[in-house]
Structure formats: structure tokens, C-alpha cells
Amino acid sequence: MLAGSLLGAWAGASWAVRMRGSTLYKVLAALMVLMAAALVVTHVTTLRMLSLPLWAQVPSGMLAGFGIGVVAAIMGVAGGELLIPTVVLLFGPDIKTTGSLSLLISLPTMLVAFARYSRDGSFAVLGTNLRFTAVMAAGSIIGAVGGGLLSGALSESVLIPLLAGILLVSALKLARHD
């Protein structure tokens, strides 16, 4: 999965930097809708290993990794929301092992996407918008802490629809962006 994810991250970042802005907004909106659907489906169903033979697991893992790498690079996320259910479906480890594998795949994937975006100077805009960058960084930290606290305080039956709703509203806003 890691090999596919690294290739996918490079390809996804390459596509994203070449896309017209209006196309990128629509792609991001569609991906958010798919993420909301995946979030709901993976939480209302029980995931079990597909029981593929080893000869099919390896190419399936690489192909899935490629797709996850593309999505992660385009969306600017680590991809764990897709990696964890995919690892469970393809290989069937326990959830703690799956979480660790997700981290081991996510970090190099994001580094490859970062390197690809850096190559085109895509991060130069952050230096010219330091105030916006600082506010977004602070918001991310506050959101991570708040989300961590909420995850223990709210049940899945509240959190999942809430997160799916946020993704759908965000997708709608992106789809309407000019």
C-alpha cells in the first residue's frame, strides 16, 4: 500500500497543480461528498476482511494505496480516513495494528505530496499571507483539541452525522465557488 500511496501522492499533487481552479473546486467538492458517504457507510456496517489470496492482496493494496495517495494529495489530508477501512478490508489486522499502519503510510505519503507541491512553489502563497496562515494554524490546533474532547463526550450516533454534514456543507460551498 505504501508504494502505491507514494506514487498516488506524487500523481495527485501533479494533477492538482495543473488543474484550473474551478475544476479543482469541483473535484474537491466531489471528494468531500464521497468522504461523507464513506464515513457513514463504514460506521453503519461491519467491515470484514475480503479473504483475497496473497497474489491478489498485493496488487489490490498497491492499487488502493495509489487511489488513497491521489485523494490525500489533492485534498491535503493524511488519508487515514480511507487507509484504515482499506487495510481492514484487504489485510484484516486488529484496529491497533491498523492505526499504526495508517500512520506509517500517511506520513511518507504527505511528505511526497509536500515535496511535489514545493517543487512548483505552491507554498509561496503562504509566505505572502502570513496572517491568514497563522490564523489557520491556530484554528487547526484549536479544532484538533476541541475535536479530541468532543470525541469522548459525544456518541458516534451524533458525531458521524455531524461530521458527514460538515463535509456535505463544505462540498456545497466548494461546488458553488467561482
N, C-alpha and C. Protein backbone atom coordinates (compact mmCIF):
# COMPACT_ATOMS: atom_id res chain seq x y z
N MET A 1 0.83 -1.20 0.00
CA MET A 1 0.00 0.00 0.00
C MET A 1 0.86 1.25 0.00
N LEU A 2 1.97 1.20 0.73
CA LEU A 2 2.83 2.38 0.81
C LEU A 2 3.38 2.76 -0.56
N ALA A 3 3.85 1.78 -1.31
CA ALA A 3 4.41 2.08 -2.64
C ALA A 3 3.34 2.74 -3.52
N GLY A 4 2.14 2.19 -3.53
CA GLY A 4 1.06 2.77 -4.32
C GLY A 4 0.69 4.15 -3.82
N SER A 5 0.67 4.33 -2.51
CA SER A 5 0.30 5.62 -1.92
C SER A 5 1.32 6.70 -2.27
N LEU A 6 2.59 6.36 -2.27
CA LEU A 6 3.63 7.34 -2.62
C LEU A 6 3.49 7.77 -4.07
N LEU A 7 3.28 6.79 -4.95
CA LEU A 7 3.08 7.12 -6.37
C LEU A 7 1.81 7.95 -6.56
N GLY A 8 0.76 7.58 -5.85
CA GLY A 8 -0.51 8.30 -5.93
C GLY A 8 -0.39 9.73 -5.41
N ALA A 9 0.38 9.93 -4.34
CA ALA A 9 0.56 11.28 -3.79
C ALA A 9 1.27 12.17 -4.80
N TRP A 10 2.30 11.63 -5.46
CA TRP A 10 3.02 12.42 -6.47
C TRP A 10 2.08 12.76 -7.63
N ALA A 11 1.35 11.74 -8.09
CA ALA A 11 0.42 11.96 -9.21
C ALA A 11 -0.69 12.93 -8.82
N GLY A 12 -1.28 12.76 -7.66
CA GLY A 12 -2.37 13.64 -7.22
C GLY A 12 -1.93 15.08 -7.09
N ALA A 13 -0.75 15.30 -6.49
CA ALA A 13 -0.24 16.67 -6.37
C ALA A 13 0.08 17.25 -7.75
N SER A 14 0.61 16.42 -8.63
CA SER A 14 0.91 16.87 -10.00
C SER A 14 -0.36 17.30 -10.72
N TRP A 15 -1.40 16.50 -10.59
CA TRP A 15 -2.68 16.84 -11.22
C TRP A 15 -3.26 18.12 -10.62
N ALA A 16 -3.18 18.22 -9.29
CA ALA A 16 -3.77 19.38 -8.61
C ALA A 16 -3.10 20.68 -9.04
N VAL A 17 -1.77 20.68 -9.19
CA VAL A 17 -1.11 21.93 -9.56
C VAL A 17 -1.38 22.31 -11.01
N ARG A 18 -1.76 21.35 -11.83
CA ARG A 18 -2.05 21.65 -13.24
C ARG A 18 -3.53 21.94 -13.49
N MET A 19 -4.40 21.60 -12.53
CA MET A 19 -5.83 21.81 -12.71
C MET A 19 -6.19 23.29 -12.66
N ARG A 20 -7.17 23.67 -13.46
CA ARG A 20 -7.75 25.01 -13.32
C ARG A 20 -8.42 25.09 -11.95
N GLY A 21 -8.43 26.29 -11.39
CA GLY A 21 -9.02 26.48 -10.08
C GLY A 21 -10.46 26.00 -9.99
N SER A 22 -11.26 26.32 -11.00
CA SER A 22 -12.68 25.93 -10.96
C SER A 22 -12.83 24.41 -11.00
N THR A 23 -11.96 23.75 -11.73
CA THR A 23 -12.01 22.28 -11.78
C THR A 23 -11.60 21.69 -10.44
N LEU A 24 -10.57 22.25 -9.83
CA LEU A 24 -10.11 21.76 -8.54
C LEU A 24 -11.20 21.90 -7.48
N TYR A 25 -11.93 23.01 -7.50
CA TYR A 25 -13.04 23.18 -6.54
C TYR A 25 -14.08 22.07 -6.72
N LYS A 26 -14.40 21.74 -7.95
CA LYS A 26 -15.40 20.71 -8.21
C LYS A 26 -14.89 19.33 -7.81
N VAL A 27 -13.62 19.06 -8.08
CA VAL A 27 -13.02 17.78 -7.68
C VAL A 27 -13.03 17.66 -6.17
N LEU A 28 -12.63 18.72 -5.48
CA LEU A 28 -12.65 18.70 -4.01
C LEU A 28 -14.06 18.50 -3.47
N ALA A 29 -15.04 19.16 -4.08
CA ALA A 29 -16.43 19.00 -3.64
C ALA A 29 -16.88 17.56 -3.81
N ALA A 30 -16.57 16.96 -4.95
CA ALA A 30 -16.95 15.56 -5.19
C ALA A 30 -16.26 14.63 -4.19
N LEU A 31 -14.99 14.88 -3.93
CA LEU A 31 -14.26 14.04 -2.96
C LEU A 31 -14.86 14.17 -1.56
N MET A 32 -15.30 15.37 -1.19
CA MET A 32 -15.92 15.55 0.12
C MET A 32 -17.24 14.80 0.23
N VAL A 33 -18.01 14.79 -0.84
CA VAL A 33 -19.26 14.03 -0.84
C VAL A 33 -18.95 12.53 -0.69
N LEU A 34 -17.95 12.06 -1.42
CA LEU A 34 -17.56 10.65 -1.31
C LEU A 34 -17.04 10.32 0.08
N MET A 35 -16.28 11.25 0.68
CA MET A 35 -15.78 11.04 2.04
C MET A 35 -16.92 10.97 3.04
N ALA A 36 -17.92 11.82 2.88
CA ALA A 36 -19.08 11.80 3.77
C ALA A 36 -19.79 10.46 3.64
N ALA A 37 -19.96 9.99 2.41
CA ALA A 37 -20.62 8.70 2.19
C ALA A 37 -19.79 7.56 2.79
N ALA A 38 -18.48 7.59 2.58
CA ALA A 38 -17.61 6.55 3.14
C ALA A 38 -17.65 6.56 4.66
N LEU A 39 -17.68 7.75 5.24
CA LEU A 39 -17.76 7.88 6.70
C LEU A 39 -19.02 7.21 7.23
N VAL A 40 -20.14 7.51 6.62
CA VAL A 40 -21.41 6.93 7.06
C VAL A 40 -21.42 5.42 6.84
N VAL A 41 -21.02 4.97 5.66
CA VAL A 41 -21.06 3.54 5.35
C VAL A 41 -20.15 2.74 6.27
N THR A 42 -18.94 3.23 6.53
CA THR A 42 -18.01 2.47 7.37
C THR A 42 -18.44 2.45 8.83
N HIS A 43 -19.32 3.35 9.21
CA HIS A 43 -19.77 3.35 10.60
C HIS A 43 -21.13 2.70 10.81
N VAL A 44 -21.84 2.43 9.75
CA VAL A 44 -23.13 1.74 9.91
C VAL A 44 -23.03 0.27 9.47
N THR A 45 -21.89 -0.12 8.92
CA THR A 45 -21.69 -1.51 8.53
C THR A 45 -20.47 -2.06 9.25
N THR A 46 -20.37 -3.37 9.27
CA THR A 46 -19.21 -4.03 9.86
C THR A 46 -18.26 -4.41 8.75
N LEU A 47 -17.02 -3.93 8.87
CA LEU A 47 -16.01 -4.25 7.87
C LEU A 47 -15.34 -5.57 8.23
N ARG A 48 -15.25 -6.44 7.27
CA ARG A 48 -14.53 -7.70 7.44
C ARG A 48 -13.55 -7.87 6.30
N MET A 49 -12.53 -8.62 6.57
CA MET A 49 -11.51 -8.87 5.56
C MET A 49 -12.14 -9.55 4.34
N LEU A 50 -11.65 -9.18 3.15
CA LEU A 50 -12.19 -9.73 1.91
C LEU A 50 -11.72 -11.15 1.63
N SER A 51 -10.74 -11.65 2.35
CA SER A 51 -10.19 -13.00 2.17
C SER A 51 -9.66 -13.23 0.76
N LEU A 52 -8.89 -12.28 0.28
CA LEU A 52 -8.26 -12.42 -1.03
C LEU A 52 -6.99 -13.26 -0.89
N PRO A 53 -6.66 -14.03 -1.91
CA PRO A 53 -5.38 -14.75 -1.87
C PRO A 53 -4.22 -13.74 -1.91
N LEU A 54 -3.05 -14.14 -1.43
CA LEU A 54 -1.91 -13.24 -1.36
C LEU A 54 -1.58 -12.62 -2.72
N TRP A 55 -1.69 -13.41 -3.79
CA TRP A 55 -1.36 -12.88 -5.12
C TRP A 55 -2.29 -11.74 -5.51
N ALA A 56 -3.49 -11.69 -4.93
CA ALA A 56 -4.44 -10.61 -5.23
C ALA A 56 -4.34 -9.47 -4.20
N GLN A 57 -3.90 -9.79 -2.98
CA GLN A 57 -3.78 -8.76 -1.94
C GLN A 57 -2.73 -7.72 -2.31
N VAL A 58 -1.60 -8.17 -2.83
CA VAL A 58 -0.51 -7.24 -3.11
C VAL A 58 -0.90 -6.22 -4.18
N PRO A 59 -1.36 -6.64 -5.36
CA PRO A 59 -1.75 -5.61 -6.34
C PRO A 59 -2.96 -4.80 -5.89
N SER A 60 -3.88 -5.42 -5.15
CA SER A 60 -5.04 -4.68 -4.64
C SER A 60 -4.59 -3.61 -3.66
N GLY A 61 -3.63 -3.95 -2.81
CA GLY A 61 -3.09 -2.98 -1.85
C GLY A 61 -2.38 -1.84 -2.55
N MET A 62 -1.61 -2.16 -3.60
CA MET A 62 -0.92 -1.10 -4.34
C MET A 62 -1.90 -0.19 -5.06
N LEU A 63 -2.91 -0.79 -5.68
CA LEU A 63 -3.91 -0.01 -6.40
C LEU A 63 -4.72 0.87 -5.43
N ALA A 64 -5.14 0.28 -4.31
CA ALA A 64 -5.87 1.06 -3.31
C ALA A 64 -4.99 2.17 -2.75
N GLY A 65 -3.72 1.84 -2.49
CA GLY A 65 -2.78 2.84 -1.99
C GLY A 65 -2.62 3.99 -2.97
N PHE A 66 -2.55 3.67 -4.27
CA PHE A 66 -2.44 4.71 -5.29
C PHE A 66 -3.64 5.66 -5.22
N GLY A 67 -4.84 5.09 -5.18
CA GLY A 67 -6.05 5.91 -5.11
C GLY A 67 -6.08 6.76 -3.86
N ILE A 68 -5.70 6.17 -2.74
CA ILE A 68 -5.69 6.91 -1.47
C ILE A 68 -4.64 8.02 -1.52
N GLY A 69 -3.49 7.75 -2.11
CA GLY A 69 -2.45 8.76 -2.24
C GLY A 69 -2.91 9.93 -3.09
N VAL A 70 -3.61 9.64 -4.19
CA VAL A 70 -4.14 10.70 -5.05
C VAL A 70 -5.12 11.57 -4.26
N VAL A 71 -6.06 10.94 -3.59
CA VAL A 71 -7.07 11.68 -2.82
C VAL A 71 -6.41 12.49 -1.71
N ALA A 72 -5.48 11.87 -0.98
CA ALA A 72 -4.81 12.57 0.12
C ALA A 72 -4.06 13.79 -0.38
N ALA A 73 -3.36 13.66 -1.51
CA ALA A 73 -2.58 14.79 -2.03
C ALA A 73 -3.48 15.90 -2.54
N ILE A 74 -4.55 15.55 -3.23
CA ILE A 74 -5.45 16.58 -3.75
C ILE A 74 -6.17 17.31 -2.62
N MET A 75 -6.60 16.55 -1.61
CA MET A 75 -7.35 17.17 -0.51
C MET A 75 -6.45 17.78 0.56
N GLY A 76 -5.18 17.41 0.56
CA GLY A 76 -4.28 17.91 1.59
C GLY A 76 -4.54 17.28 2.94
N VAL A 77 -4.88 15.99 2.93
CA VAL A 77 -5.12 15.25 4.17
C VAL A 77 -4.14 14.08 4.23
N ALA A 78 -4.07 13.44 5.38
CA ALA A 78 -3.14 12.32 5.55
C ALA A 78 -3.69 11.02 4.95
N GLY A 79 -4.99 10.90 4.84
CA GLY A 79 -5.58 9.74 4.21
C GLY A 79 -6.02 8.63 5.15
N GLY A 80 -5.85 8.82 6.45
CA GLY A 80 -6.22 7.78 7.41
C GLY A 80 -7.68 7.38 7.35
N GLU A 81 -8.54 8.34 6.99
CA GLU A 81 -9.97 8.04 6.90
C GLU A 81 -10.27 7.04 5.80
N LEU A 82 -9.37 6.91 4.84
CA LEU A 82 -9.50 5.90 3.79
C LEU A 82 -8.59 4.70 4.03
N LEU A 83 -7.42 4.96 4.60
CA LEU A 83 -6.45 3.89 4.83
C LEU A 83 -6.96 2.84 5.82
N ILE A 84 -7.52 3.29 6.93
CA ILE A 84 -7.93 2.36 7.98
C ILE A 84 -8.96 1.35 7.48
N PRO A 85 -10.07 1.77 6.86
CA PRO A 85 -11.01 0.75 6.38
C PRO A 85 -10.41 -0.12 5.26
N THR A 86 -9.54 0.46 4.43
CA THR A 86 -8.95 -0.31 3.34
C THR A 86 -8.01 -1.39 3.88
N VAL A 87 -7.18 -1.03 4.86
CA VAL A 87 -6.27 -2.02 5.46
C VAL A 87 -7.08 -3.14 6.10
N VAL A 88 -8.16 -2.80 6.80
CA VAL A 88 -9.01 -3.83 7.42
C VAL A 88 -9.61 -4.73 6.35
N LEU A 89 -10.14 -4.14 5.28
CA LEU A 89 -10.76 -4.94 4.22
C LEU A 89 -9.77 -5.86 3.51
N LEU A 90 -8.59 -5.34 3.21
CA LEU A 90 -7.63 -6.12 2.43
C LEU A 90 -6.79 -7.09 3.25
N PHE A 91 -6.43 -6.70 4.47
CA PHE A 91 -5.46 -7.49 5.21
C PHE A 91 -5.96 -7.98 6.57
N GLY A 92 -6.98 -7.34 7.16
CA GLY A 92 -7.65 -7.82 8.36
C GLY A 92 -6.91 -7.76 9.68
N PRO A 93 -5.95 -6.86 9.89
CA PRO A 93 -5.31 -6.81 11.21
C PRO A 93 -6.24 -6.19 12.26
N ASP A 94 -5.86 -6.30 13.53
CA ASP A 94 -6.65 -5.67 14.59
C ASP A 94 -6.54 -4.16 14.44
N ILE A 95 -7.42 -3.44 15.13
CA ILE A 95 -7.55 -1.99 14.93
C ILE A 95 -6.31 -1.23 15.39
N LYS A 96 -5.64 -1.70 16.45
CA LYS A 96 -4.43 -1.01 16.90
C LYS A 96 -3.31 -1.13 15.87
N THR A 97 -3.15 -2.31 15.32
CA THR A 97 -2.16 -2.50 14.26
C THR A 97 -2.53 -1.68 13.04
N THR A 98 -3.82 -1.64 12.71
CA THR A 98 -4.30 -0.88 11.56
C THR A 98 -4.00 0.61 11.74
N GLY A 99 -4.23 1.14 12.93
CA GLY A 99 -3.94 2.54 13.20
C GLY A 99 -2.46 2.85 13.03
N SER A 100 -1.61 1.96 13.52
CA SER A 100 -0.16 2.15 13.37
C SER A 100 0.25 2.08 11.90
N LEU A 101 -0.31 1.13 11.16
CA LEU A 101 -0.01 1.03 9.73
C LEU A 101 -0.46 2.27 8.99
N SER A 102 -1.60 2.80 9.38
CA SER A 102 -2.11 4.02 8.75
C SER A 102 -1.12 5.17 8.93
N LEU A 103 -0.58 5.30 10.13
CA LEU A 103 0.40 6.36 10.39
C LEU A 103 1.68 6.14 9.58
N LEU A 104 2.10 4.88 9.50
CA LEU A 104 3.32 4.58 8.74
C LEU A 104 3.17 4.84 7.25
N ILE A 105 1.96 4.75 6.75
CA ILE A 105 1.70 5.03 5.33
C ILE A 105 1.43 6.52 5.13
N SER A 106 0.70 7.13 6.04
CA SER A 106 0.29 8.53 5.89
C SER A 106 1.46 9.51 5.88
N LEU A 107 2.38 9.34 6.81
CA LEU A 107 3.47 10.31 6.93
C LEU A 107 4.31 10.38 5.65
N PRO A 108 4.82 9.25 5.14
CA PRO A 108 5.59 9.36 3.89
C PRO A 108 4.74 9.85 2.71
N THR A 109 3.47 9.50 2.70
CA THR A 109 2.58 9.94 1.63
C THR A 109 2.48 11.46 1.62
N MET A 110 2.27 12.05 2.79
CA MET A 110 2.16 13.50 2.87
C MET A 110 3.49 14.18 2.57
N LEU A 111 4.60 13.56 2.94
CA LEU A 111 5.91 14.13 2.62
C LEU A 111 6.15 14.16 1.12
N VAL A 112 5.71 13.12 0.42
CA VAL A 112 5.85 13.09 -1.04
C VAL A 112 4.97 14.17 -1.67
N ALA A 113 3.72 14.29 -1.20
CA ALA A 113 2.84 15.34 -1.73
C ALA A 113 3.43 16.72 -1.44
N PHE A 114 3.95 16.91 -0.24
CA PHE A 114 4.57 18.18 0.14
C PHE A 114 5.74 18.49 -0.79
N ALA A 115 6.57 17.48 -1.05
CA ALA A 115 7.73 17.68 -1.94
C ALA A 115 7.26 18.07 -3.34
N ARG A 116 6.22 17.43 -3.82
CA ARG A 116 5.73 17.72 -5.17
C ARG A 116 5.15 19.12 -5.25
N TYR A 117 4.35 19.50 -4.24
CA TYR A 117 3.80 20.86 -4.23
C TYR A 117 4.92 21.89 -4.09
N SER A 118 5.93 21.60 -3.28
CA SER A 118 7.05 22.53 -3.08
C SER A 118 7.82 22.75 -4.37
N ARG A 119 7.93 21.72 -5.17
CA ARG A 119 8.68 21.80 -6.43
C ARG A 119 8.13 22.89 -7.35
N ASP A 120 6.83 23.11 -7.31
CA ASP A 120 6.19 24.12 -8.14
C ASP A 120 6.01 25.46 -7.43
N GLY A 121 6.54 25.56 -6.22
CA GLY A 121 6.40 26.81 -5.48
C GLY A 121 5.00 27.04 -4.97
N SER A 122 4.24 25.98 -4.79
CA SER A 122 2.84 26.13 -4.36
C SER A 122 2.69 26.71 -2.97
N PHE A 123 3.73 26.62 -2.15
CA PHE A 123 3.62 27.13 -0.78
C PHE A 123 4.06 28.58 -0.66
N ALA A 124 4.52 29.18 -1.75
CA ALA A 124 4.97 30.58 -1.71
C ALA A 124 3.83 31.50 -1.27
N VAL A 125 2.61 31.15 -1.61
CA VAL A 125 1.46 31.98 -1.24
C VAL A 125 1.30 32.07 0.28
N LEU A 126 1.76 31.05 1.00
CA LEU A 126 1.66 31.09 2.46
C LEU A 126 2.53 32.19 3.04
N GLY A 127 3.70 32.39 2.46
CA GLY A 127 4.59 33.44 2.94
C GLY A 127 4.05 34.83 2.70
N THR A 128 3.27 34.99 1.66
CA THR A 128 2.69 36.31 1.37
C THR A 128 1.40 36.55 2.15
N ASN A 129 0.90 35.51 2.78
CA ASN A 129 -0.33 35.61 3.57
C ASN A 129 -0.07 35.07 4.98
N LEU A 130 0.93 35.62 5.65
CA LEU A 130 1.33 35.10 6.97
C LEU A 130 0.21 35.19 8.00
N ARG A 131 -0.55 36.26 7.97
CA ARG A 131 -1.64 36.42 8.95
C ARG A 131 -2.68 35.30 8.77
N PHE A 132 -3.08 35.08 7.52
CA PHE A 132 -4.04 34.01 7.22
C PHE A 132 -3.47 32.66 7.62
N THR A 133 -2.20 32.42 7.31
CA THR A 133 -1.54 31.16 7.65
C THR A 133 -1.54 30.95 9.16
N ALA A 134 -1.22 31.98 9.92
CA ALA A 134 -1.19 31.88 11.38
C ALA A 134 -2.58 31.60 11.95
N VAL A 135 -3.57 32.29 11.41
CA VAL A 135 -4.95 32.06 11.88
C VAL A 135 -5.40 30.63 11.57
N MET A 136 -5.07 30.15 10.38
CA MET A 136 -5.44 28.78 10.01
C MET A 136 -4.71 27.75 10.89
N ALA A 137 -3.43 27.99 11.18
CA ALA A 137 -2.67 27.08 12.04
C ALA A 137 -3.27 27.06 13.44
N ALA A 138 -3.59 28.23 13.98
CA ALA A 138 -4.21 28.31 15.31
C ALA A 138 -5.57 27.61 15.30
N GLY A 139 -6.35 27.84 14.25
CA GLY A 139 -7.65 27.18 14.14
C GLY A 139 -7.52 25.67 14.06
N SER A 140 -6.51 25.19 13.39
CA SER A 140 -6.28 23.74 13.29
C SER A 140 -5.95 23.14 14.66
N ILE A 141 -5.12 23.85 15.42
CA ILE A 141 -4.77 23.36 16.76
C ILE A 141 -5.99 23.36 17.66
N ILE A 142 -6.73 24.45 17.65
CA ILE A 142 -7.95 24.54 18.47
C ILE A 142 -8.95 23.47 18.04
N GLY A 143 -9.11 23.30 16.73
CA GLY A 143 -10.03 22.29 16.22
C GLY A 143 -9.62 20.88 16.60
N ALA A 144 -8.32 20.59 16.56
CA ALA A 144 -7.84 19.26 16.93
C ALA A 144 -8.10 18.98 18.41
N VAL A 145 -7.81 19.97 19.25
CA VAL A 145 -8.05 19.80 20.69
C VAL A 145 -9.56 19.67 20.95
N GLY A 146 -10.34 20.56 20.35
CA GLY A 146 -11.80 20.51 20.53
C GLY A 146 -12.39 19.21 20.01
N GLY A 147 -11.93 18.78 18.86
CA GLY A 147 -12.40 17.51 18.31
C GLY A 147 -12.06 16.33 19.19
N GLY A 148 -10.85 16.36 19.74
CA GLY A 148 -10.45 15.29 20.66
C GLY A 148 -11.34 15.25 21.89
N LEU A 149 -11.66 16.43 22.42
CA LEU A 149 -12.54 16.49 23.59
C LEU A 149 -13.96 16.06 23.25
N LEU A 150 -14.45 16.50 22.09
CA LEU A 150 -15.80 16.12 21.68
C LEU A 150 -15.93 14.63 21.40
N SER A 151 -14.87 14.02 20.87
CA SER A 151 -14.96 12.61 20.53
C SER A 151 -15.22 11.75 21.76
N GLY A 152 -14.74 12.20 22.92
CA GLY A 152 -15.01 11.46 24.14
C GLY A 152 -16.35 11.83 24.76
N ALA A 153 -16.87 13.00 24.43
CA ALA A 153 -18.09 13.49 25.05
C ALA A 153 -19.35 13.16 24.24
N LEU A 154 -19.20 12.96 22.94
CA LEU A 154 -20.36 12.69 22.10
C LEU A 154 -20.30 11.26 21.56
N SER A 155 -21.46 10.67 21.40
CA SER A 155 -21.52 9.31 20.87
C SER A 155 -21.32 9.32 19.36
N GLU A 156 -20.98 8.15 18.82
CA GLU A 156 -20.81 8.02 17.37
C GLU A 156 -22.09 8.39 16.63
N SER A 157 -23.24 8.09 17.23
CA SER A 157 -24.51 8.39 16.57
C SER A 157 -24.73 9.89 16.39
N VAL A 158 -24.02 10.71 17.16
CA VAL A 158 -24.08 12.16 16.99
C VAL A 158 -22.91 12.64 16.12
N LEU A 159 -21.70 12.14 16.41
CA LEU A 159 -20.51 12.60 15.71
C LEU A 159 -20.50 12.29 14.22
N ILE A 160 -20.89 11.08 13.85
CA ILE A 160 -20.81 10.68 12.44
C ILE A 160 -21.72 11.54 11.57
N PRO A 161 -23.00 11.67 11.92
CA PRO A 161 -23.85 12.56 11.10
C PRO A 161 -23.35 14.01 11.11
N LEU A 162 -22.83 14.47 12.24
CA LEU A 162 -22.30 15.84 12.33
C LEU A 162 -21.12 16.02 11.36
N LEU A 163 -20.18 15.10 11.39
CA LEU A 163 -19.02 15.18 10.50
C LEU A 163 -19.43 15.04 9.04
N ALA A 164 -20.33 14.12 8.76
CA ALA A 164 -20.82 13.96 7.39
C ALA A 164 -21.52 15.24 6.92
N GLY A 165 -22.29 15.84 7.80
CA GLY A 165 -22.97 17.10 7.47
C GLY A 165 -21.99 18.22 7.18
N ILE A 166 -20.94 18.33 7.99
CA ILE A 166 -19.92 19.35 7.76
C ILE A 166 -19.26 19.14 6.40
N LEU A 167 -18.96 17.89 6.07
CA LEU A 167 -18.36 17.59 4.76
C LEU A 167 -19.30 17.97 3.62
N LEU A 168 -20.58 17.68 3.79
CA LEU A 168 -21.54 17.98 2.72
C LEU A 168 -21.74 19.49 2.54
N VAL A 169 -21.81 20.22 3.65
CA VAL A 169 -21.94 21.69 3.56
C VAL A 169 -20.70 22.28 2.91
N SER A 170 -19.52 21.77 3.30
CA SER A 170 -18.27 22.24 2.71
C SER A 170 -18.23 21.93 1.22
N ALA A 171 -18.70 20.74 0.85
CA ALA A 171 -18.73 20.35 -0.57
C ALA A 171 -19.64 21.28 -1.36
N LEU A 172 -20.78 21.61 -0.80
CA LEU A 172 -21.71 22.52 -1.46
C LEU A 172 -21.07 23.90 -1.67
N LYS A 173 -20.40 24.41 -0.64
CA LYS A 173 -19.73 25.71 -0.75
C LYS A 173 -18.64 25.67 -1.83
N LEU A 174 -17.87 24.59 -1.87
CA LEU A 174 -16.82 24.46 -2.89
C LEU A 174 -17.41 24.35 -4.29
N ALA A 175 -18.48 23.59 -4.42
CA ALA A 175 -19.09 23.42 -5.74
C ALA A 175 -19.63 24.73 -6.29
N ARG A 176 -20.04 25.62 -5.40
CA ARG A 176 -20.59 26.91 -5.82
C ARG A 176 -19.53 27.98 -6.04
N HIS A 177 -18.29 27.67 -5.64
CA HIS A 177 -17.19 28.64 -5.76
C HIS A 177 -16.87 28.90 -7.21
N ASP A 178 -16.64 30.15 -7.54
CA ASP A 178 -16.32 30.53 -8.93
C ASP A 178 -14.83 30.49 -9.17
